[in-house]
């Protein structure tokens, strides 16, 4: 990495930051032993549902996720789209796309109201994606949304709206992987009329955006270059200090060894300072153990995040899936498996949420915005449908805890990242339980056949599962039959929601008897 004046300043800032953080008396130190004392706050366990704005300049081409990188990959569809739309990346590169992101219809107050109505209890703003463009008033990076593009503090605007609506506020950072992610911008075409002509990322003038050229062998998700580690620390620490987010999402495992642990200790300690000594922070990181170069994951130092996937069973510790109603960034060519359109169905959103919550998880859902910041009519309709469902069924979601089993039925789910499409039916049931332990909620994943809902886990046996009352959510008490085989109720037609429908069962002596 060429030691430009800017890089020298960053190196000094990073080096100065380390002793200050390490030397300060605090509850957490930058060691895994210390960080493993983390305990997830109750607000996150109660929230269950958050909405994410995975939005930024990569929305502009309307061609989806990772456009900034793939436009430099000769022969790929993004590269071909870029040639036809903007020109060759040696002449019109990512730096030239950024000014096109104006966010002229961005109305965070209105959007936050929609998200709250849909049941979100926390909101997460993009902080910086792999494209190395900060969406806040960055002290350490000139490529930011206050100076360029919208010329507005996007993170700050989201934060104010979230606070006014009473939602917890988070920020996602994807910056750790940026250094190696961007290396293709330093290349050139290998064939054709422009063969050998360097892309704009190879010009040292733009090094602060595209980074310096990586050393040979430095190709993993997280670079080994210590100078980038220091810049990352300075910028993420600035993000933490300016906005004090309730949640910080990392797109990977904890990066950069001691540097990453220093950041995390500082995040927890500063959060405790702002909450009278009580830790209210959530740090999301991915369990990518076994993937060389993807950082470090130690169970218990934060909250596990599963990208576009889930778990096969109840996890004792709270966790989260992050997923989207479409592609990560606005993409007119993306097709959902359940609809064949740009967007998922409300049914898919609700059923995914119910399945995740039954296993002690939260769902962070990316609601896709157009480049100008507005929502498509299809997205507004999706939110309205989820809002209507939540008005009836939120009691079975928010503030609940897992039951003895997550559910029953013939549809099996797979565990892991990028596994999230399952053919649930009304014969599949998912369970949650009230915090006081008095009630169990059972949700059918669709309208059960004939309206008959069978809950084998709540069958009668000796002194357990003593059912006192069964209520249809949103309607009231219903007659029930409890035998040694199952608890059975018949739902009237008005209660047969095709997304998910359910009952509240009140009683004592709960035990899952599958």
Protein backbone atom coordinates (compact mmCIF):
# COMPACT_ATOMS: atom_id res chain seq x y z
CA UNK A 1 0.00 0.00 0.00
CA UNK A 2 1.45 3.33 -1.08
CA UNK A 3 1.95 5.55 1.98
CA UNK A 4 0.09 8.61 0.74
CA UNK A 5 -0.48 11.53 3.12
CA UNK A 6 -4.02 10.26 3.67
CA UNK A 7 -2.84 6.73 4.51
CA UNK A 8 -0.23 8.12 6.85
CA UNK A 9 -2.91 10.04 8.72
CA UNK A 10 -5.11 6.95 8.93
CA UNK A 11 -2.20 4.86 10.21
CA UNK A 12 -1.48 7.43 12.90
CA UNK A 13 -5.17 7.62 13.82
CA UNK A 14 -5.43 3.84 14.04
CA UNK A 15 -2.26 3.50 16.06
CA UNK A 16 -3.38 6.23 18.41
CA UNK A 17 -6.77 4.61 18.80
CA UNK A 18 -5.39 1.26 19.97
CA UNK A 19 -3.74 2.34 23.25
CA UNK A 20 -6.67 4.58 24.15
CA UNK A 21 -9.11 1.69 23.83
CA UNK A 22 -6.86 -0.92 25.37
CA UNK A 23 -5.73 1.25 28.25
CA UNK A 24 -9.10 2.54 29.34
CA UNK A 25 -10.59 0.94 32.46
CA UNK A 26 -13.62 -0.95 31.18
CA UNK A 27 -15.74 -4.03 31.64
CA UNK A 28 -14.59 -5.62 28.37
CA UNK A 29 -11.05 -6.16 27.16
CA UNK A 30 -10.04 -7.15 23.61
CA UNK A 31 -9.71 -10.85 24.39
CA UNK A 32 -12.08 -13.67 23.59
CA UNK A 33 -12.15 -14.61 27.27
CA UNK A 34 -13.43 -11.16 28.16
CA UNK A 35 -15.78 -10.79 25.18
CA UNK A 36 -17.36 -14.17 25.94
CA UNK A 37 -18.93 -12.53 29.03
CA UNK A 38 -21.37 -10.88 26.64
CA UNK A 39 -25.08 -11.36 27.34
CA UNK A 40 -27.74 -10.56 24.78
CA UNK A 41 -30.05 -7.76 26.00
CA UNK A 42 -33.73 -8.39 26.60
CA UNK A 43 -34.82 -5.80 24.05
CA UNK A 44 -33.38 -7.90 21.23
CA UNK A 45 -34.90 -11.12 22.57
CA UNK A 46 -38.29 -9.41 22.71
CA UNK A 47 -38.05 -7.61 19.37
CA UNK A 48 -38.06 -10.63 17.01
CA UNK A 49 -38.43 -8.53 13.86
CA UNK A 50 -36.25 -5.80 12.39
CA UNK A 51 -36.14 -4.04 9.03
CA UNK A 52 -32.97 -3.22 7.16
CA UNK A 53 -32.21 -0.60 4.50
CA UNK A 54 -29.58 -2.37 2.41
CA UNK A 55 -29.43 0.72 0.22
CA UNK A 56 -26.76 2.91 -1.29
CA UNK A 57 -25.11 3.87 -4.60
CA UNK A 58 -25.21 0.23 -5.77
CA UNK A 59 -28.97 0.73 -6.16
CA UNK A 60 -28.38 3.17 -9.04
CA UNK A 61 -27.76 0.69 -11.89
CA UNK A 62 -30.83 -1.28 -10.69
CA UNK A 63 -28.83 -4.42 -11.40
CA UNK A 64 -28.44 -5.90 -7.95
CA UNK A 65 -25.88 -6.84 -5.35
CA UNK A 66 -22.12 -6.53 -5.85
CA UNK A 67 -22.54 -4.41 -8.97
CA UNK A 68 -19.57 -2.23 -8.05
CA UNK A 69 -17.28 -5.25 -8.18
CA UNK A 70 -18.89 -7.21 -11.00
CA UNK A 71 -18.90 -4.30 -13.43
CA UNK A 72 -15.13 -4.88 -13.61
CA UNK A 73 -15.45 -8.62 -14.35
CA UNK A 74 -15.02 -8.89 -18.09
CA UNK A 75 -17.67 -10.94 -19.86
CA UNK A 76 -20.12 -11.05 -16.93
CA UNK A 77 -23.69 -9.79 -17.18
CA UNK A 78 -22.94 -6.79 -14.93
CA UNK A 79 -19.95 -5.87 -17.07
CA UNK A 80 -22.03 -6.12 -20.25
CA UNK A 81 -24.81 -4.06 -18.67
CA UNK A 82 -22.27 -1.42 -17.69
CA UNK A 83 -20.82 -1.24 -21.20
CA UNK A 84 -24.26 -0.72 -22.74
CA UNK A 85 -25.51 1.70 -20.10
CA UNK A 86 -22.50 3.76 -19.04
CA UNK A 87 -19.50 2.84 -21.15
CA UNK A 88 -16.20 1.07 -20.56
CA UNK A 89 -14.97 0.93 -16.93
CA UNK A 90 -11.66 2.46 -17.92
CA UNK A 91 -13.60 5.64 -18.74
CA UNK A 92 -16.73 5.44 -16.60
CA UNK A 93 -16.11 3.58 -13.38
CA UNK A 94 -17.69 3.21 -9.98
CA UNK A 95 -16.51 6.66 -8.95
CA UNK A 96 -18.75 8.01 -11.72
CA UNK A 97 -21.81 6.05 -10.55
CA UNK A 98 -21.65 7.49 -7.03
CA UNK A 99 -22.71 11.05 -8.04
CA UNK A 100 -25.79 9.56 -9.73
CA UNK A 101 -27.16 8.42 -6.37
CA UNK A 102 -29.26 11.43 -5.34
CA UNK A 103 -31.83 9.83 -2.98
CA UNK A 104 -34.18 12.64 -4.02
CA UNK A 105 -37.35 10.91 -2.76
CA UNK A 106 -35.87 9.60 0.48
CA UNK A 107 -38.44 10.14 3.26
CA UNK A 108 -37.18 8.29 6.36
CA UNK A 109 -40.05 9.49 8.55
CA UNK A 110 -42.72 8.00 6.29
CA UNK A 111 -40.79 4.78 5.73
CA UNK A 112 -40.15 4.28 9.43
CA UNK A 113 -43.85 4.62 10.09
CA UNK A 114 -44.56 1.87 7.58
CA UNK A 115 -41.92 -0.37 9.10
CA UNK A 116 -43.17 0.14 12.63
CA UNK A 117 -46.69 -0.64 11.47
CA UNK A 118 -45.45 -3.89 9.94
CA UNK A 119 -44.19 -4.97 13.37
CA UNK A 120 -40.51 -4.00 13.24
CA UNK A 121 -39.05 -3.28 16.66
CA UNK A 122 -35.61 -2.30 15.38
CA UNK A 123 -34.26 -0.74 12.23
CA UNK A 124 -30.82 -1.15 10.65
CA UNK A 125 -29.22 1.32 8.26
CA UNK A 126 -26.45 0.45 5.86
CA UNK A 127 -23.28 2.08 7.12
CA UNK A 128 -20.82 1.11 4.42
CA UNK A 129 -20.95 -1.68 1.86
CA UNK A 130 -17.95 -3.37 0.23
CA UNK A 131 -17.88 -0.49 -2.27
CA UNK A 132 -16.04 1.60 0.36
CA UNK A 133 -18.59 4.44 0.38
CA UNK A 134 -19.59 5.65 3.85
CA UNK A 135 -23.23 6.62 4.30
CA UNK A 136 -22.49 8.83 7.28
CA UNK A 137 -20.56 12.01 8.00
CA UNK A 138 -17.28 10.14 8.06
CA UNK A 139 -14.29 11.77 9.74
CA UNK A 140 -11.74 9.47 8.09
CA UNK A 141 -13.01 9.00 4.53
CA UNK A 142 -13.82 11.61 1.91
CA UNK A 143 -15.99 9.20 -0.09
CA UNK A 144 -19.13 9.66 1.95
CA UNK A 145 -22.80 10.57 1.47
CA UNK A 146 -22.48 13.98 3.12
CA UNK A 147 -19.86 15.15 0.62
CA UNK A 148 -21.06 13.24 -2.44
CA UNK A 149 -24.20 11.78 -3.99
CA UNK A 150 -27.17 12.71 -1.77
CA UNK A 151 -25.00 15.14 0.22
CA UNK A 152 -26.90 14.02 3.27
CA UNK A 153 -26.12 12.05 6.41
CA UNK A 154 -28.11 8.93 5.54
CA UNK A 155 -27.25 7.06 8.74
CA UNK A 156 -28.13 10.10 10.84
CA UNK A 157 -31.44 10.61 9.04
CA UNK A 158 -32.45 6.99 9.60
CA UNK A 159 -31.40 7.18 13.25
CA UNK A 160 -33.54 10.24 13.96
CA UNK A 161 -36.58 8.65 12.31
CA UNK A 162 -36.12 5.39 14.21
CA UNK A 163 -35.83 7.17 17.54
CA UNK A 164 -38.95 9.21 16.87
CA UNK A 165 -40.87 6.01 16.18
CA UNK A 166 -39.49 4.30 19.28
CA UNK A 167 -37.47 1.70 17.39
CA UNK A 168 -34.02 0.51 18.35
CA UNK A 169 -31.40 1.59 15.82
CA UNK A 170 -28.63 -0.42 14.20
CA UNK A 171 -25.98 -0.02 11.53
CA UNK A 172 -24.46 -2.63 9.21
CA UNK A 173 -20.82 -2.52 8.21
CA UNK A 174 -19.46 -4.52 5.28
CA UNK A 175 -16.23 -2.57 5.16
CA UNK A 176 -13.87 -5.26 6.45
CA UNK A 177 -13.97 -7.19 3.17
CA UNK A 178 -13.67 -4.11 0.97
CA UNK A 179 -9.92 -4.21 0.38
CA UNK A 180 -9.76 -7.56 -1.42
CA UNK A 181 -13.31 -7.26 -2.80
CA UNK A 182 -12.25 -4.23 -4.85
CA UNK A 183 -9.07 -5.63 -6.41
CA UNK A 184 -10.69 -6.38 -9.77
CA UNK A 185 -11.04 -2.63 -10.35
CA UNK A 186 -7.23 -2.53 -10.73
CA UNK A 187 -7.32 -4.84 -13.74
CA UNK A 188 -8.10 -4.50 -17.44
CA UNK A 189 -9.82 -6.39 -20.23
CA UNK A 190 -7.94 -9.46 -21.44
CA UNK A 191 -9.37 -9.40 -24.95
CA UNK A 192 -11.12 -7.13 -27.43
CA UNK A 193 -10.50 -3.56 -28.47
CA UNK A 194 -9.83 -2.41 -24.88
CA UNK A 195 -7.48 -5.25 -23.95
CA UNK A 196 -4.75 -4.06 -21.59
CA UNK A 197 -6.33 -0.65 -20.99
CA UNK A 198 -6.43 -0.24 -17.18
CA UNK A 199 -9.76 0.20 -15.45
CA UNK A 200 -10.15 3.43 -13.51
CA UNK A 201 -9.39 1.65 -10.24
CA UNK A 202 -5.78 1.27 -11.34
CA UNK A 203 -5.26 5.04 -11.33
CA UNK A 204 -3.47 6.07 -8.08
CA UNK A 205 -5.58 9.22 -8.09
CA UNK A 206 -8.57 7.14 -6.96
CA UNK A 207 -6.75 4.95 -4.46
CA UNK A 208 -8.80 6.24 -1.53
CA UNK A 209 -11.90 4.64 -3.11
CA UNK A 210 -10.52 1.53 -4.81
CA UNK A 211 -7.65 0.89 -2.36
CA UNK A 212 -4.05 0.13 -3.27
CA UNK A 213 -3.21 -3.02 -5.18
CA UNK A 214 -3.06 -6.01 -2.84
CA UNK A 215 0.17 -7.86 -2.26
CA UNK A 216 0.56 -11.24 -4.01
CA UNK A 217 -1.46 -13.93 -2.23
CA UNK A 218 -3.72 -11.48 -0.41
CA UNK A 219 -7.03 -12.77 -1.80
CA UNK A 220 -9.18 -13.89 1.14
CA UNK A 221 -12.40 -12.25 2.37
CA UNK A 222 -10.42 -10.29 4.95
CA UNK A 223 -7.09 -8.85 3.89
CA UNK A 224 -3.96 -9.52 5.93
CA UNK A 225 -2.65 -5.99 5.30
CA UNK A 226 -2.28 -4.30 8.73
CA UNK A 227 -2.59 -0.81 7.26
CA UNK A 228 -6.12 -1.56 6.08
CA UNK A 229 -6.89 -3.00 9.52
CA UNK A 230 -6.03 0.36 11.06
CA UNK A 231 -8.16 2.31 8.62
CA UNK A 232 -11.09 -0.04 9.24
CA UNK A 233 -10.70 0.44 13.00
CA UNK A 234 -10.63 4.21 12.70
CA UNK A 235 -13.75 4.35 10.53
CA UNK A 236 -15.86 1.81 12.41
CA UNK A 237 -14.91 3.40 15.72
CA UNK A 238 -16.01 6.75 14.29
CA UNK A 239 -19.32 5.17 13.26
CA UNK A 240 -19.83 3.80 16.77
CA UNK A 241 -18.87 7.01 18.53
CA UNK A 242 -21.02 9.29 16.37
CA UNK A 243 -24.21 7.22 16.36
CA UNK A 244 -24.01 4.86 19.36
CA UNK A 245 -26.03 2.15 17.57
CA UNK A 246 -28.04 -0.35 19.57
CA UNK A 247 -26.98 -2.99 17.04
CA UNK A 248 -23.88 -3.35 14.89
CA UNK A 249 -23.98 -5.90 12.07
CA UNK A 250 -20.76 -7.36 10.64
CA UNK A 251 -20.86 -9.05 7.22
CA UNK A 252 -18.67 -11.93 8.32
CA UNK A 253 -16.97 -13.20 11.41
CA UNK A 254 -14.97 -10.84 13.64
CA UNK A 255 -12.18 -9.47 11.43
CA UNK A 256 -8.51 -8.68 11.92
CA UNK A 257 -7.55 -10.42 15.15
CA UNK A 258 -6.75 -8.06 17.99
CA UNK A 259 -7.83 -5.05 15.93
CA UNK A 260 -11.34 -6.48 15.59
CA UNK A 261 -11.48 -7.45 19.25
CA UNK A 262 -10.43 -3.90 20.13
CA UNK A 263 -13.33 -2.50 18.14
CA UNK A 264 -15.80 -4.88 19.74
CA UNK A 265 -14.61 -4.18 23.29
CA UNK A 266 -14.90 -0.46 22.59
CA UNK A 267 -18.42 -0.91 21.21
CA UNK A 268 -19.59 -2.79 24.29
CA UNK A 269 -17.85 -0.46 26.73
CA UNK A 270 -19.17 2.72 25.11
CA UNK A 271 -22.67 1.23 25.07
CA UNK A 272 -22.43 0.43 28.78
CA UNK A 273 -21.24 3.95 29.48
CA UNK A 274 -24.32 5.32 27.75
CA UNK A 275 -26.68 2.96 29.61
CA UNK A 276 -25.57 3.43 33.19
CA UNK A 277 -23.27 0.41 33.20
CA UNK A 278 -25.80 -1.97 31.60
CA UNK A 279 -24.92 -3.61 28.30
CA UNK A 280 -27.70 -3.02 25.76
CA UNK A 281 -25.69 -3.59 22.59
CA UNK A 282 -26.07 -6.32 19.98
CA UNK A 283 -23.20 -7.33 17.72
CA UNK A 284 -24.19 -9.59 14.81
CA UNK A 285 -21.51 -11.82 13.34
CA UNK A 286 -21.51 -14.95 11.20
CA UNK A 287 -20.34 -18.40 12.18
CA UNK A 288 -17.96 -19.02 9.30
CA UNK A 289 -15.62 -21.36 11.15
CA UNK A 290 -13.70 -23.49 8.70
CA UNK A 291 -13.59 -20.77 6.05
CA UNK A 292 -9.98 -19.63 5.84
CA UNK A 293 -9.57 -15.88 5.81
CA UNK A 294 -13.11 -15.16 6.99
CA UNK A 295 -12.27 -13.92 10.47
CA UNK A 296 -12.83 -15.42 13.90
CA UNK A 297 -16.03 -16.71 15.44
CA UNK A 298 -16.25 -17.62 19.10
CA UNK A 299 -19.66 -18.61 20.44
CA UNK A 300 -20.98 -16.11 22.94
CA UNK A 301 -19.06 -12.95 21.98
CA UNK A 302 -22.11 -11.62 20.14
CA UNK A 303 -25.29 -12.75 18.40
CA UNK A 304 -24.96 -15.28 15.59
CA UNK A 305 -26.32 -14.17 12.23
CA UNK A 306 -27.31 -16.57 9.44
CA UNK A 307 -27.47 -15.01 5.97
CA UNK A 308 -30.58 -15.98 4.01
CA UNK A 309 -31.03 -19.10 6.09
CA UNK A 310 -31.82 -20.44 9.50
CA UNK A 311 -31.34 -23.19 12.04
CA UNK A 312 -32.85 -26.65 12.14
CA UNK A 313 -33.75 -26.55 15.83
CA UNK A 314 -34.06 -24.25 18.83
CA UNK A 315 -30.81 -22.58 19.80
CA UNK A 316 -30.58 -21.71 23.52
CA UNK A 317 -28.88 -18.39 22.71
CA UNK A 318 -30.72 -15.75 20.65
CA UNK A 319 -29.71 -15.57 16.99
CA UNK A 320 -30.77 -13.79 13.81
CA UNK A 321 -31.38 -14.45 10.15
CA UNK A 322 -30.79 -11.60 7.73
CA UNK A 323 -32.71 -11.86 4.50
CA UNK A 324 -34.49 -9.74 1.91
CA UNK A 325 -37.75 -9.40 0.02
CA UNK A 326 -35.67 -9.51 -3.18
CA UNK A 327 -32.04 -9.03 -4.12
CA UNK A 328 -29.88 -7.14 -1.64
CA UNK A 329 -29.87 -4.01 -3.81
CA UNK A 330 -32.61 -2.95 -6.22
CA UNK A 331 -32.53 -5.35 -9.16
CA UNK A 332 -35.05 -5.40 -12.00
CA UNK A 333 -33.73 -8.81 -13.17
CA UNK A 334 -34.03 -10.69 -9.83
CA UNK A 335 -36.70 -13.40 -9.58
CA UNK A 336 -38.00 -14.77 -6.27
CA UNK A 337 -38.46 -18.54 -6.13
CA UNK A 338 -41.92 -18.25 -4.60
CA UNK A 339 -43.35 -15.60 -6.94
CA UNK A 340 -41.17 -15.40 -10.06
CA UNK A 341 -41.13 -11.61 -9.63
CA UNK A 342 -38.70 -9.08 -8.15
CA UNK A 343 -40.23 -9.54 -4.73
CA UNK A 344 -41.12 -12.23 -2.24
CA UNK A 345 -44.71 -12.76 -1.20
CA UNK A 346 -46.09 -11.59 2.16
CA UNK A 347 -46.75 -15.28 2.87
CA UNK A 348 -43.06 -16.07 2.51
CA UNK A 349 -42.13 -13.19 4.82
CA UNK A 350 -44.60 -14.23 7.53
CA UNK A 351 -43.80 -17.95 7.38
CA UNK A 352 -40.06 -17.31 7.48
CA UNK A 353 -40.54 -15.03 10.49
CA UNK A 354 -42.68 -17.58 12.33
CA UNK A 355 -40.22 -20.42 11.69
CA UNK A 356 -37.25 -18.32 12.83
CA UNK A 357 -38.97 -17.03 15.98
CA UNK A 358 -40.03 -20.57 16.97
CA UNK A 359 -36.31 -21.46 17.09
CA UNK A 360 -35.36 -18.50 19.32
CA UNK A 361 -34.31 -16.30 16.41
CA UNK A 362 -34.99 -12.83 15.07
CA UNK A 363 -35.53 -11.89 11.45
CA UNK A 364 -33.82 -8.83 9.96
CA UNK A 365 -35.60 -8.15 6.67
CA UNK A 366 -34.16 -5.98 3.93
CA UNK A 367 -36.91 -3.85 2.39
CA UNK A 368 -35.61 -2.82 -1.00
CA UNK A 369 -35.67 0.84 -1.98
CA UNK A 370 -35.43 2.35 -5.42
CA UNK A 371 -32.33 4.48 -6.10
CA UNK A 372 -34.32 7.61 -5.28
CA UNK A 373 -35.27 6.20 -1.86
CA UNK A 374 -38.91 5.42 -2.60
CA UNK A 375 -40.63 2.02 -2.56
CA UNK A 376 -42.28 0.23 -5.45
CA UNK A 377 -46.05 -0.24 -5.21
CA UNK A 378 -45.50 -4.00 -4.78
CA UNK A 379 -43.36 -3.34 -1.71
CA UNK A 380 -45.96 -1.01 -0.21
CA UNK A 381 -48.58 -3.75 -0.73
CA UNK A 382 -46.32 -6.36 0.88
CA UNK A 383 -45.84 -4.16 3.92
CA UNK A 384 -49.57 -3.52 4.17
CA UNK A 385 -50.27 -7.27 4.12
CA UNK A 386 -47.64 -7.96 6.79
CA UNK A 387 -49.08 -5.10 8.86
CA UNK A 388 -52.55 -6.63 8.70
CA UNK A 389 -51.20 -10.03 9.75
CA UNK A 390 -49.23 -8.52 12.63
CA UNK A 391 -52.25 -6.70 14.01
CA UNK A 392 -53.83 -10.09 14.66
CA UNK A 393 -50.85 -12.32 15.42
CA UNK A 394 -48.12 -10.13 16.94
CA UNK A 395 -48.86 -11.49 20.42
CA UNK A 396 -47.44 -14.84 19.25
CA UNK A 397 -44.27 -13.15 17.98
CA UNK A 398 -43.14 -10.15 20.02
CA UNK A 399 -41.87 -10.77 23.53
CA UNK A 400 -42.16 -14.55 23.26
CA UNK A 401 -39.72 -17.30 24.08
CA UNK A 402 -39.27 -20.75 22.52
CA UNK A 403 -41.43 -23.66 23.65
CA UNK A 404 -40.06 -27.14 24.34
CA UNK A 405 -40.13 -27.90 20.60
CA UNK A 406 -40.14 -25.43 17.73
CA UNK A 407 -42.91 -27.25 15.89
CA UNK A 408 -44.27 -30.25 14.09
CA UNK A 409 -45.36 -31.30 10.62
CA UNK A 410 -44.00 -32.95 7.53
CA UNK A 411 -41.95 -30.06 6.11
CA UNK A 412 -38.32 -30.26 7.12
CA UNK A 413 -36.04 -27.24 7.08
CA UNK A 414 -32.32 -27.25 6.37
CA UNK A 415 -29.78 -25.44 8.48
CA UNK A 416 -27.24 -22.95 7.22
CA UNK A 417 -26.67 -19.89 5.06
CA UNK A 418 -28.64 -19.51 1.81
CA UNK A 419 -31.29 -22.09 2.68
CA UNK A 420 -34.64 -20.39 3.08
CA UNK A 421 -37.22 -21.74 0.63
CA UNK A 422 -39.50 -24.40 2.12
CA UNK A 423 -42.96 -25.59 1.08
CA UNK A 424 -44.80 -25.07 4.36
CA UNK A 425 -48.45 -26.06 4.62
CA UNK A 426 -51.29 -25.72 7.09
CA UNK A 427 -50.28 -29.08 8.54
CA UNK A 428 -47.00 -27.57 9.77
CA UNK A 429 -47.26 -25.97 13.21
CA UNK A 430 -44.80 -23.68 14.97
CA UNK A 431 -44.80 -22.91 18.70
CA UNK A 432 -43.80 -19.98 20.89
CA UNK A 433 -44.43 -19.32 24.58
CA UNK A 434 -45.22 -16.23 26.63
CA UNK A 435 -42.44 -14.92 28.86
CA UNK A 436 -44.45 -15.69 31.98
CA UNK A 437 -44.85 -19.29 30.87
CA UNK A 438 -48.63 -19.29 31.20
CA UNK A 439 -49.52 -19.45 27.51
CA UNK A 440 -48.34 -21.37 24.47
CA UNK A 441 -48.94 -20.01 20.99
CA UNK A 442 -49.43 -22.39 18.07
CA UNK A 443 -49.27 -21.08 14.53
CA UNK A 444 -50.29 -23.13 11.50
CA UNK A 445 -48.11 -22.32 8.49
CA UNK A 446 -51.11 -21.65 6.29
CA UNK A 447 -54.77 -22.57 6.49
CA UNK A 448 -55.13 -26.13 7.84
CA UNK A 449 -57.31 -28.51 5.84
CA UNK A 450 -60.95 -28.23 6.85
CA UNK A 451 -59.96 -25.60 9.40
CA UNK A 452 -58.89 -28.37 11.80
CA UNK A 453 -55.70 -27.55 13.67
CA UNK A 454 -54.02 -30.46 15.44
CA UNK A 455 -51.27 -29.82 18.01
CA UNK A 456 -49.69 -33.13 18.93
CA UNK A 457 -47.11 -31.47 21.19
CA UNK A 458 -49.96 -30.27 23.46
CA UNK A 459 -51.64 -33.64 23.93
CA UNK A 460 -52.90 -34.75 27.34
CA UNK A 461 -50.69 -36.92 29.52
CA UNK A 462 -51.01 -37.22 33.30
CA UNK A 463 -50.56 -33.87 35.00
CA UNK A 464 -48.89 -32.05 32.13
CA UNK A 465 -50.44 -29.78 29.52
CA UNK A 466 -53.45 -28.79 31.59
CA UNK A 467 -55.36 -26.64 29.09
CA UNK A 468 -57.72 -24.08 30.62
CA UNK A 469 -58.61 -22.02 27.54
CA UNK A 470 -57.93 -21.80 23.83
CA UNK A 471 -58.38 -18.51 21.96
CA UNK A 472 -58.20 -17.85 18.24
CA UNK A 473 -55.81 -14.95 17.77
CA UNK A 474 -57.80 -11.88 16.87
CA UNK A 475 -61.17 -13.48 17.56
CA UNK A 476 -61.49 -14.96 21.03
CA UNK A 477 -62.25 -18.26 22.78
CA UNK A 478 -62.94 -21.41 20.79
CA UNK A 479 -64.03 -24.91 21.77
CA UNK A 480 -61.26 -27.47 21.92
CA UNK A 481 -60.71 -31.17 22.36
CA UNK A 482 -57.66 -32.51 24.15
CA UNK A 483 -56.89 -36.22 24.00
CA UNK A 484 -53.88 -38.46 24.43
CA UNK A 485 -53.14 -37.87 20.74
CA UNK A 486 -53.44 -34.11 20.32
CA UNK A 487 -55.08 -30.81 21.19
CA UNK A 488 -57.55 -30.08 18.39
CA UNK A 489 -59.50 -26.97 17.47
CA UNK A 490 -61.60 -26.09 14.45
CA UNK A 491 -60.96 -22.60 13.13
CA UNK A 492 -63.83 -20.72 11.49
CA UNK A 493 -63.36 -19.52 7.90
CA UNK A 494 -62.63 -15.95 9.05
CA UNK A 495 -59.55 -17.18 10.94
CA UNK A 496 -58.05 -19.19 8.06
CA UNK A 497 -55.27 -16.83 7.04
CA UNK A 498 -53.31 -18.39 4.14
CA UNK A 499 -50.04 -16.94 5.45
CA UNK A 500 -50.25 -18.32 9.00
CA UNK A 501 -53.00 -18.52 11.59
CA UNK A 502 -53.06 -19.60 15.16
CA UNK A 503 -54.26 -19.89 18.70
CA UNK A 504 -53.28 -18.95 22.20
CA UNK A 505 -53.46 -21.86 24.65
CA UNK A 506 -53.54 -20.96 28.34
CA UNK A 507 -52.92 -23.47 31.08
CA UNK A 508 -50.30 -25.06 33.33
CA UNK A 509 -47.75 -27.83 33.36
CA UNK A 510 -46.46 -27.25 29.87
CA UNK A 511 -44.33 -29.94 28.30
CA UNK A 512 -43.80 -30.73 24.62
CA UNK A 513 -44.89 -34.32 24.13
CA UNK A 514 -43.90 -35.13 20.56
